[in-house]
């Protein structure tokens, strides 16, 4: 499968998710280090890049809170934030990736969580972000 075909498939699945799931406004997939991979419903690459960085920071912060406040191991499964603008849902559907969904306040938390889990299972290995290799120049 070519990368163009994979991109089309992932974009199609995210688009279908946003269209089908009540009150979903946008969805994006990013690497665990904040690089945007796919985004639907977010205007402009800059906004999608910013959303990816914010989602990664929120997910990491939740892991830190688990360690510092709850004595846990820092392994985060899901982050949900209620803001003035709506709800933000972040999960880790595959190693090295995060799935973020933005919804209106009218969204049902359980339904969004379930639908995100189903989407993550459908995408499966396609979402696994390959580790980036940094070389000294």
C-alpha atoms as a PDB file:
ATOM      1  CA  UNK A   1       0.000   0.000   0.000  1.00  0.00           C
ATOM      2  CA  UNK A   2       1.469   3.375  -0.934  1.00  0.00           C
ATOM      3  CA  UNK A   3       1.709   6.212   1.543  1.00  0.00           C
ATOM      4  CA  UNK A   4      -0.738   8.233  -0.552  1.00  0.00           C
ATOM      5  CA  UNK A   5      -3.274   5.422  -0.301  1.00  0.00           C
ATOM      6  CA  UNK A   6      -2.683   5.132   3.452  1.00  0.00           C
ATOM      7  CA  UNK A   7      -3.141   8.892   3.823  1.00  0.00           C
ATOM      8  CA  UNK A   8      -6.395   8.730   1.882  1.00  0.00           C
ATOM      9  CA  UNK A   9      -7.640   5.851   4.024  1.00  0.00           C
ATOM     10  CA  UNK A  10      -6.792   7.569   7.311  1.00  0.00           C
ATOM     11  CA  UNK A  11      -8.211  10.902   6.168  1.00  0.00           C
ATOM     12  CA  UNK A  12     -11.364   9.084   5.056  1.00  0.00           C
ATOM     13  CA  UNK A  13     -11.774   7.322   8.394  1.00  0.00           C
ATOM     14  CA  UNK A  14     -11.279  10.556  10.350  1.00  0.00           C
ATOM     15  CA  UNK A  15     -13.687  12.431   8.056  1.00  0.00           C
ATOM     16  CA  UNK A  16     -16.311   9.703   8.412  1.00  0.00           C
ATOM     17  CA  UNK A  17     -15.882   9.780  12.200  1.00  0.00           C
ATOM     18  CA  UNK A  18     -16.464  13.547  12.388  1.00  0.00           C
ATOM     19  CA  UNK A  19     -19.469  13.334  10.044  1.00  0.00           C
ATOM     20  CA  UNK A  20     -21.045  10.302  11.740  1.00  0.00           C
ATOM     21  CA  UNK A  21     -20.485  10.901  15.465  1.00  0.00           C
ATOM     22  CA  UNK A  22     -22.923  13.383  16.980  1.00  0.00           C
ATOM     23  CA  UNK A  23     -21.345  16.691  18.057  1.00  0.00           C
ATOM     24  CA  UNK A  24     -17.829  15.771  16.869  1.00  0.00           C
ATOM     25  CA  UNK A  25     -16.274  18.829  15.230  1.00  0.00           C
ATOM     26  CA  UNK A  26     -12.698  17.782  14.485  1.00  0.00           C
ATOM     27  CA  UNK A  27     -10.306  14.863  14.822  1.00  0.00           C
ATOM     28  CA  UNK A  28      -6.562  14.617  14.546  1.00  0.00           C
ATOM     29  CA  UNK A  29      -3.835  12.052  14.872  1.00  0.00           C
ATOM     30  CA  UNK A  30      -0.372  13.109  15.977  1.00  0.00           C
ATOM     31  CA  UNK A  31       2.830  11.443  17.037  1.00  0.00           C
ATOM     32  CA  UNK A  32       3.538  11.171  20.745  1.00  0.00           C
ATOM     33  CA  UNK A  33       6.077  13.975  20.368  1.00  0.00           C
ATOM     34  CA  UNK A  34       3.512  16.373  18.909  1.00  0.00           C
ATOM     35  CA  UNK A  35       3.923  16.141  15.142  1.00  0.00           C
ATOM     36  CA  UNK A  36       0.651  16.292  13.207  1.00  0.00           C
ATOM     37  CA  UNK A  37       0.022  13.226  11.086  1.00  0.00           C
ATOM     38  CA  UNK A  38      -3.629  13.616   9.973  1.00  0.00           C
ATOM     39  CA  UNK A  39      -6.300  16.198  10.768  1.00  0.00           C
ATOM     40  CA  UNK A  40      -9.929  16.763   9.795  1.00  0.00           C
ATOM     41  CA  UNK A  41     -12.076  19.750  10.736  1.00  0.00           C
ATOM     42  CA  UNK A  42      -9.216  22.015  11.813  1.00  0.00           C
ATOM     43  CA  UNK A  43      -8.603  24.980   9.529  1.00  0.00           C
ATOM     44  CA  UNK A  44      -5.054  25.473   8.349  1.00  0.00           C
ATOM     45  CA  UNK A  45      -1.901  23.460   8.830  1.00  0.00           C
ATOM     46  CA  UNK A  46      -0.674  25.878  11.493  1.00  0.00           C
ATOM     47  CA  UNK A  47      -3.788  25.340  13.601  1.00  0.00           C
ATOM     48  CA  UNK A  48      -3.538  21.556  13.191  1.00  0.00           C
ATOM     49  CA  UNK A  49       0.140  21.664  14.157  1.00  0.00           C
ATOM     50  CA  UNK A  50      -0.679  23.773  17.214  1.00  0.00           C
ATOM     51  CA  UNK A  51      -3.534  21.432  18.197  1.00  0.00           C
ATOM     52  CA  UNK A  52      -1.166  18.459  17.939  1.00  0.00           C
ATOM     53  CA  UNK A  53       1.388  20.130  20.189  1.00  0.00           C
ATOM     54  CA  UNK A  54      -1.286  21.073  22.734  1.00  0.00           C
ATOM     55  CA  UNK A  55      -2.774  17.552  22.756  1.00  0.00           C
ATOM     56  CA  UNK A  56       0.644  16.024  23.337  1.00  0.00           C
ATOM     57  CA  UNK A  57       1.338  18.443  26.180  1.00  0.00           C
ATOM     58  CA  UNK A  58      -2.015  17.722  27.827  1.00  0.00           C
ATOM     59  CA  UNK A  59      -1.471  13.967  27.577  1.00  0.00           C
ATOM     60  CA  UNK A  60       2.019  14.245  29.030  1.00  0.00           C
ATOM     61  CA  UNK A  61       0.824  16.529  31.826  1.00  0.00           C
ATOM     62  CA  UNK A  62      -1.823  13.967  32.797  1.00  0.00           C
ATOM     63  CA  UNK A  63       0.916  11.336  33.105  1.00  0.00           C
ATOM     64  CA  UNK A  64       2.929  13.666  35.319  1.00  0.00           C
ATOM     65  CA  UNK A  65      -0.126  14.349  37.469  1.00  0.00           C
ATOM     66  CA  UNK A  66      -0.656  10.606  37.853  1.00  0.00           C
ATOM     67  CA  UNK A  67       2.892  10.167  39.143  1.00  0.00           C
ATOM     68  CA  UNK A  68       2.968  13.279  41.348  1.00  0.00           C
ATOM     69  CA  UNK A  69      -0.545  13.280  42.778  1.00  0.00           C
ATOM     70  CA  UNK A  70      -1.764   9.703  42.636  1.00  0.00           C
ATOM     71  CA  UNK A  71       1.470   7.766  42.981  1.00  0.00           C
ATOM     72  CA  UNK A  72       0.800   5.948  39.722  1.00  0.00           C
ATOM     73  CA  UNK A  73       3.207   4.882  37.038  1.00  0.00           C
ATOM     74  CA  UNK A  74       2.368   7.795  34.752  1.00  0.00           C
ATOM     75  CA  UNK A  75       0.645   5.716  32.098  1.00  0.00           C
ATOM     76  CA  UNK A  76      -2.238   7.809  30.758  1.00  0.00           C
ATOM     77  CA  UNK A  77      -5.124   6.148  28.936  1.00  0.00           C
ATOM     78  CA  UNK A  78      -7.435   9.097  28.266  1.00  0.00           C
ATOM     79  CA  UNK A  79      -7.663  12.829  28.872  1.00  0.00           C
ATOM     80  CA  UNK A  80     -10.953  14.740  28.782  1.00  0.00           C
ATOM     81  CA  UNK A  81     -11.036  18.507  29.190  1.00  0.00           C
ATOM     82  CA  UNK A  82     -14.145  20.670  29.365  1.00  0.00           C
ATOM     83  CA  UNK A  83     -13.426  24.180  28.110  1.00  0.00           C
ATOM     84  CA  UNK A  84     -15.469  27.254  27.236  1.00  0.00           C
ATOM     85  CA  UNK A  85     -15.320  26.214  23.571  1.00  0.00           C
ATOM     86  CA  UNK A  86     -16.259  22.552  23.989  1.00  0.00           C
ATOM     87  CA  UNK A  87     -14.780  19.214  24.983  1.00  0.00           C
ATOM     88  CA  UNK A  88     -11.335  17.823  24.169  1.00  0.00           C
ATOM     89  CA  UNK A  89     -10.811  14.041  24.178  1.00  0.00           C
ATOM     90  CA  UNK A  90      -7.328  12.530  23.829  1.00  0.00           C
ATOM     91  CA  UNK A  91      -6.458   8.820  23.732  1.00  0.00           C
ATOM     92  CA  UNK A  92      -3.510   6.673  22.697  1.00  0.00           C
ATOM     93  CA  UNK A  93      -4.873   4.253  20.071  1.00  0.00           C
ATOM     94  CA  UNK A  94      -1.466   2.811  19.178  1.00  0.00           C
ATOM     95  CA  UNK A  95       2.085   3.087  20.481  1.00  0.00           C
ATOM     96  CA  UNK A  96       3.627   6.412  19.533  1.00  0.00           C
ATOM     97  CA  UNK A  97       0.382   8.112  18.491  1.00  0.00           C
ATOM     98  CA  UNK A  98      -2.432  10.152  19.986  1.00  0.00           C
ATOM     99  CA  UNK A  99      -5.992  10.564  18.724  1.00  0.00           C
ATOM    100  CA  UNK A 100      -7.680  13.846  19.631  1.00  0.00           C
ATOM    101  CA  UNK A 101     -11.359  14.651  19.082  1.00  0.00           C
ATOM    102  CA  UNK A 102     -12.912  18.083  19.590  1.00  0.00           C
ATOM    103  CA  UNK A 103     -16.653  18.242  20.286  1.00  0.00           C
ATOM    104  CA  UNK A 104     -19.372  20.647  21.305  1.00  0.00           C
ATOM    105  CA  UNK A 105     -20.609  20.692  24.903  1.00  0.00           C
ATOM    106  CA  UNK A 106     -23.606  18.593  23.833  1.00  0.00           C
ATOM    107  CA  UNK A 107     -21.469  15.502  23.168  1.00  0.00           C
ATOM    108  CA  UNK A 108     -22.056  12.394  25.278  1.00  0.00           C
ATOM    109  CA  UNK A 109     -18.782  11.478  26.966  1.00  0.00           C
ATOM    110  CA  UNK A 110     -19.395   7.736  26.932  1.00  0.00           C
ATOM    111  CA  UNK A 111     -20.380   7.702  23.273  1.00  0.00           C
ATOM    112  CA  UNK A 112     -17.348   9.729  22.195  1.00  0.00           C
ATOM    113  CA  UNK A 113     -15.029   7.495  24.234  1.00  0.00           C
ATOM    114  CA  UNK A 114     -16.561   4.360  22.740  1.00  0.00           C
ATOM    115  CA  UNK A 115     -16.415   5.692  19.180  1.00  0.00           C
ATOM    116  CA  UNK A 116     -12.786   6.744  19.649  1.00  0.00           C
ATOM    117  CA  UNK A 117     -11.938   3.251  20.887  1.00  0.00           C
ATOM    118  CA  UNK A 118     -13.644   1.704  17.850  1.00  0.00           C
ATOM    119  CA  UNK A 119     -11.836   4.094  15.506  1.00  0.00           C
ATOM    120  CA  UNK A 120      -8.510   3.248  17.115  1.00  0.00           C
ATOM    121  CA  UNK A 121      -9.156  -0.468  16.613  1.00  0.00           C
ATOM    122  CA  UNK A 122     -10.083   0.046  12.951  1.00  0.00           C
ATOM    123  CA  UNK A 123      -6.972   2.083  12.281  1.00  0.00           C
ATOM    124  CA  UNK A 124      -4.775  -0.321  14.222  1.00  0.00           C
ATOM    125  CA  UNK A 125      -1.193  -0.641  13.055  1.00  0.00           C
ATOM    126  CA  UNK A 126      -1.630   2.115  10.460  1.00  0.00           C
ATOM    127  CA  UNK A 127      -1.502   4.642  13.303  1.00  0.00           C
ATOM    128  CA  UNK A 128       1.754   3.441  14.794  1.00  0.00           C
ATOM    129  CA  UNK A 129       4.245   6.241  14.342  1.00  0.00           C
ATOM    130  CA  UNK A 130       7.705   5.148  13.377  1.00  0.00           C
ATOM    131  CA  UNK A 131      10.305   6.549  15.746  1.00  0.00           C
ATOM    132  CA  UNK A 132      12.208   9.484  14.325  1.00  0.00           C
ATOM    133  CA  UNK A 133      15.941   9.100  14.003  1.00  0.00           C
ATOM    134  CA  UNK A 134      17.959  12.202  14.782  1.00  0.00           C
ATOM    135  CA  UNK A 135      21.506  12.282  13.497  1.00  0.00           C
ATOM    136  CA  UNK A 136      24.219  14.674  14.517  1.00  0.00           C
ATOM    137  CA  UNK A 137      25.318  16.905  11.663  1.00  0.00           C
END
